[in-house]
Amino acid sequence: MNAFKPRETLTEQVARHIENLIVFGQLRSGERIYEGSMAKQMNVSHGSIREGLLLLEKRHLVRNVPRKGAFVTTLDDYFVRSLYETLELYLTHTGRKLVRQWQPSDMERLESLHRQMKACYQNNDLMKFLELGIEYTKASLVYADNYFIVNAIDDLWPSARRCAFAAFQHGGSQVLEDNLANMEESISAIRDRDEERLAGILHRFALQQCQQVLDAIAGNEQRS
């Protein structure tokens, strides 16, 4: 018997739609989100838009300002550095647990996702590549065993997607190649149960991807 899976609520559907507009740059950094026009565009009530925006505030994509409205979170140096420092802390902590406790099925899952991402890179399927990258990281969290870390990372994924897309727009295929190389090195360290090597790989990759996003922001500012 298949497990019961409740349908996504309207609030979640609204939040997902607006999230994608932000992640893929259709709503820009700092831009105001007008409830009325968004409700008309999506054919839903103002209340549904408001609830969706509150959910996106929890996910760090929207800033709700009393009496002024909702604005896309500003993607700046402070935001980006904060994001990657936090992700590195969480992923290194959980990565060490994975190194100590992984089972053969875990390695099969990570290697399968890596192969799928290589295929997406070869087929120039960016959207699927980004989604699989999130799945890969989620798969590496299987031994996190920490309520607060798992929930905190869930709320950081949308910003991670947003930054990854910004980096790709600026850096092109080199950014995808860097992602694949990092995954290959990480899988090797996990397989060898080498905690320190994995921590070093995650640290270097966090710095590298952070800089790629900052370069993208600087490039956008020069074009403005």
Protein backbone atom coordinates (compact mmCIF):
# COMPACT_ATOMS: atom_id res chain seq x y z
CA MET A 1 0.00 0.00 0.00
CA ASN A 2 1.32 3.46 -0.92
CA ALA A 3 1.77 5.94 1.92
CA PHE A 4 -0.81 8.72 2.06
CA LYS A 5 0.53 11.97 0.65
CA PRO A 6 -1.68 15.04 1.18
CA ARG A 7 -2.00 17.39 -1.77
CA GLU A 8 0.00 20.59 -1.65
CA THR A 9 -2.08 23.36 -0.08
CA LEU A 10 -3.00 26.50 -2.02
CA THR A 11 -0.64 28.52 0.21
CA GLU A 12 2.22 26.17 -0.67
CA GLN A 13 1.36 26.36 -4.39
CA VAL A 14 1.34 30.17 -4.24
CA ALA A 15 4.62 30.20 -2.33
CA ARG A 16 6.22 27.79 -4.80
CA HIS A 17 5.17 29.93 -7.77
CA ILE A 18 6.52 33.16 -6.27
CA GLU A 19 9.63 31.32 -5.08
CA ASN A 20 10.41 30.29 -8.66
CA LEU A 21 9.86 33.86 -9.89
CA ILE A 22 12.50 34.99 -7.37
CA VAL A 23 14.91 32.07 -7.83
CA PHE A 24 15.01 32.50 -11.61
CA GLY A 25 15.28 36.28 -11.53
CA GLN A 26 11.83 37.28 -12.78
CA LEU A 27 11.36 39.11 -9.49
CA ARG A 28 14.58 40.96 -8.80
CA SER A 29 16.58 41.64 -5.65
CA GLY A 30 14.84 44.33 -3.59
CA GLU A 31 11.79 44.49 -5.87
CA ARG A 32 8.37 45.09 -4.31
CA ILE A 33 5.78 42.34 -4.71
CA TYR A 34 2.30 43.78 -5.19
CA GLU A 35 -0.39 41.55 -3.66
CA GLY A 36 -3.12 42.81 -5.97
CA SER A 37 -1.32 42.22 -9.27
CA MET A 38 0.05 38.88 -8.05
CA ALA A 39 -3.44 37.75 -6.96
CA LYS A 40 -4.83 38.72 -10.37
CA GLN A 41 -1.99 36.99 -12.20
CA MET A 42 -2.49 33.76 -10.24
CA ASN A 43 -6.29 34.03 -9.99
CA VAL A 44 -6.29 33.61 -6.21
CA SER A 45 -7.36 35.80 -3.28
CA HIS A 46 -5.25 38.50 -1.65
CA GLY A 47 -5.28 36.36 1.50
CA SER A 48 -3.66 33.43 -0.33
CA ILE A 49 -0.91 35.71 -1.64
CA ARG A 50 -0.37 37.15 1.84
CA GLU A 51 -0.07 33.68 3.38
CA GLY A 52 2.34 32.60 0.65
CA LEU A 53 4.50 35.67 1.26
CA LEU A 54 4.62 34.94 4.98
CA LEU A 55 5.85 31.43 4.16
CA LEU A 56 8.50 32.87 1.85
CA GLU A 57 9.64 35.25 4.57
CA LYS A 58 10.38 32.19 6.71
CA ARG A 59 12.39 30.86 3.76
CA HIS A 60 14.41 34.09 3.50
CA LEU A 61 13.20 35.08 0.03
CA VAL A 62 10.80 37.84 1.06
CA ARG A 63 10.90 40.68 3.58
CA ASN A 64 7.49 41.87 4.78
CA VAL A 65 7.64 45.52 5.90
CA PRO A 66 4.69 46.81 7.97
CA ARG A 67 2.61 49.44 6.10
CA LYS A 68 4.96 49.25 3.11
CA GLY A 69 4.46 45.78 1.65
CA ALA A 70 6.50 42.76 0.67
CA PHE A 71 9.92 42.98 -0.99
CA VAL A 72 12.25 40.40 -2.48
CA THR A 73 15.15 39.87 -0.08
CA THR A 74 18.17 41.85 -1.22
CA LEU A 75 20.84 39.61 -2.68
CA ASP A 76 23.98 41.37 -1.51
CA ASP A 77 27.42 40.57 -0.12
CA TYR A 78 26.19 40.20 3.46
CA PHE A 79 23.30 37.90 2.53
CA VAL A 80 25.41 35.65 0.29
CA ARG A 81 28.32 35.29 2.71
CA SER A 82 25.90 34.58 5.57
CA LEU A 83 24.17 31.89 3.51
CA TYR A 84 27.33 29.99 2.54
CA GLU A 85 28.91 30.24 5.99
CA THR A 86 25.75 28.74 7.48
CA LEU A 87 25.42 26.01 4.86
CA GLU A 88 29.06 25.04 5.36
CA LEU A 89 28.58 24.73 9.13
CA TYR A 90 25.48 22.56 8.81
CA LEU A 91 26.70 20.39 5.94
CA THR A 92 30.11 19.77 7.52
CA HIS A 93 28.45 18.72 10.79
CA THR A 94 26.09 16.29 9.05
CA GLY A 95 28.77 15.19 6.56
CA ARG A 96 30.95 13.94 9.39
CA LYS A 97 28.07 11.79 10.62
CA LEU A 98 27.51 10.44 7.11
CA VAL A 99 31.20 9.53 6.80
CA ARG A 100 31.03 7.52 10.02
CA GLN A 101 27.70 5.80 9.44
CA TRP A 102 26.96 5.41 5.72
CA GLN A 103 25.60 2.15 4.35
CA PRO A 104 26.03 0.76 0.80
CA SER A 105 22.55 2.01 -0.18
CA ASP A 106 23.61 5.57 0.73
CA MET A 107 26.61 5.44 -1.58
CA GLU A 108 24.49 3.99 -4.37
CA ARG A 109 22.06 6.90 -4.01
CA LEU A 110 24.80 9.56 -4.05
CA GLU A 111 26.56 7.99 -7.03
CA SER A 112 23.26 7.63 -8.93
CA LEU A 113 22.47 11.31 -8.41
CA HIS A 114 25.97 12.26 -9.54
CA ARG A 115 25.49 10.24 -12.77
CA GLN A 116 22.11 11.87 -13.38
CA MET A 117 23.62 15.33 -12.91
CA LYS A 118 26.41 14.54 -15.38
CA ALA A 119 23.76 13.52 -17.91
CA CYS A 120 21.87 16.79 -17.30
CA TYR A 121 25.09 18.74 -17.82
CA GLN A 122 25.73 16.93 -21.11
CA ASN A 123 22.11 17.56 -22.22
CA ASN A 124 22.24 21.22 -21.09
CA ASP A 125 19.25 20.67 -18.77
CA LEU A 126 19.99 23.36 -16.16
CA MET A 127 16.69 23.21 -14.26
CA LYS A 128 16.94 19.47 -13.70
CA PHE A 129 20.62 19.85 -12.79
CA LEU A 130 19.76 22.34 -10.04
CA GLU A 131 16.95 20.17 -8.68
CA LEU A 132 19.17 17.09 -8.61
CA GLY A 133 21.84 19.12 -6.81
CA ILE A 134 19.36 19.80 -4.02
CA GLU A 135 18.37 16.12 -3.96
CA TYR A 136 22.04 15.16 -3.68
CA THR A 137 22.54 17.41 -0.68
CA LYS A 138 19.32 16.16 0.94
CA ALA A 139 20.51 12.59 0.44
CA SER A 140 23.73 13.46 2.27
CA LEU A 141 21.66 14.65 5.25
CA VAL A 142 20.23 11.20 5.94
CA TYR A 143 22.23 10.87 9.18
CA ALA A 144 21.79 14.46 10.40
CA ASP A 145 19.55 13.25 13.26
CA ASN A 146 18.95 16.84 14.35
CA TYR A 147 15.51 18.46 14.15
CA PHE A 148 16.81 22.03 14.10
CA ILE A 149 19.48 21.47 11.44
CA VAL A 150 17.12 19.63 9.08
CA ASN A 151 14.43 22.31 9.38
CA ALA A 152 16.91 25.16 9.09
CA ILE A 153 18.41 23.70 5.90
CA ASP A 154 14.92 23.18 4.42
CA ASP A 155 14.35 26.92 4.83
CA LEU A 156 17.71 27.71 3.22
CA TRP A 157 17.18 25.65 0.03
CA PRO A 158 15.27 28.37 -1.85
CA SER A 159 18.11 30.85 -1.28
CA ALA A 160 20.64 28.20 -2.27
CA ARG A 161 18.71 27.62 -5.53
CA ARG A 162 18.52 31.35 -6.14
CA CYS A 163 22.26 31.78 -5.65
CA ALA A 164 23.12 28.72 -7.76
CA PHE A 165 21.06 30.10 -10.65
CA ALA A 166 22.67 33.52 -10.34
CA ALA A 167 26.13 31.93 -10.39
CA PHE A 168 25.27 29.89 -13.49
CA GLN A 169 23.88 32.90 -15.34
CA HIS A 170 27.19 34.67 -14.82
CA GLY A 171 29.69 31.81 -14.97
CA GLY A 172 28.01 29.43 -17.41
CA SER A 173 29.05 25.81 -17.80
CA GLN A 174 32.17 26.27 -15.64
CA VAL A 175 29.91 26.58 -12.58
CA LEU A 176 28.26 23.24 -13.41
CA GLU A 177 31.65 21.61 -13.97
CA ASP A 178 32.81 22.90 -10.57
CA ASN A 179 29.69 21.40 -8.95
CA LEU A 180 30.32 18.00 -10.54
CA ALA A 181 34.01 18.04 -9.54
CA ASN A 182 33.08 18.88 -5.95
CA MET A 183 30.55 16.04 -5.84
CA GLU A 184 33.10 13.57 -7.21
CA GLU A 185 35.67 14.58 -4.59
CA SER A 186 33.06 14.48 -1.81
CA ILE A 187 31.85 11.00 -2.77
CA SER A 188 35.44 9.77 -2.76
CA ALA A 189 36.05 11.20 0.73
CA ILE A 190 32.78 9.73 2.03
CA ARG A 191 33.61 6.32 0.57
CA ASP A 192 37.05 6.44 2.25
CA ARG A 193 35.41 7.54 5.53
CA ASP A 194 37.77 10.50 5.63
CA GLU A 195 36.08 13.21 7.74
CA GLU A 196 38.85 15.78 7.52
CA ARG A 197 39.16 15.52 3.75
CA LEU A 198 35.40 15.93 3.35
CA ALA A 199 35.40 18.97 5.66
CA GLY A 200 38.17 20.53 3.57
CA ILE A 201 36.31 19.85 0.32
CA LEU A 202 33.11 21.41 1.68
CA HIS A 203 35.01 24.45 2.95
CA ARG A 204 36.74 25.08 -0.39
CA PHE A 205 33.53 24.58 -2.33
CA ALA A 206 31.55 26.94 -0.08
CA LEU A 207 34.18 29.65 -0.62
CA GLN A 208 34.25 28.99 -4.36
CA GLN A 209 30.49 29.06 -4.85
CA CYS A 210 30.10 32.09 -2.60
CA GLN A 211 32.62 33.98 -4.75
CA GLN A 212 30.87 32.89 -7.96
CA VAL A 213 27.61 34.38 -6.65
CA LEU A 214 29.34 37.59 -5.55
CA ASP A 215 30.90 37.88 -9.02
CA ALA A 216 27.43 37.47 -10.53
CA ILE A 217 26.03 40.24 -8.32
CA ALA A 218 28.92 42.55 -9.24
CA GLY A 219 28.35 41.78 -12.92
CA ASN A 220 24.66 42.62 -12.64
CA GLU A 221 25.46 45.91 -10.89
CA GLN A 222 27.87 46.90 -13.67
CA ARG A 223 25.19 46.25 -16.30
CA SER A 224 22.56 48.28 -14.40
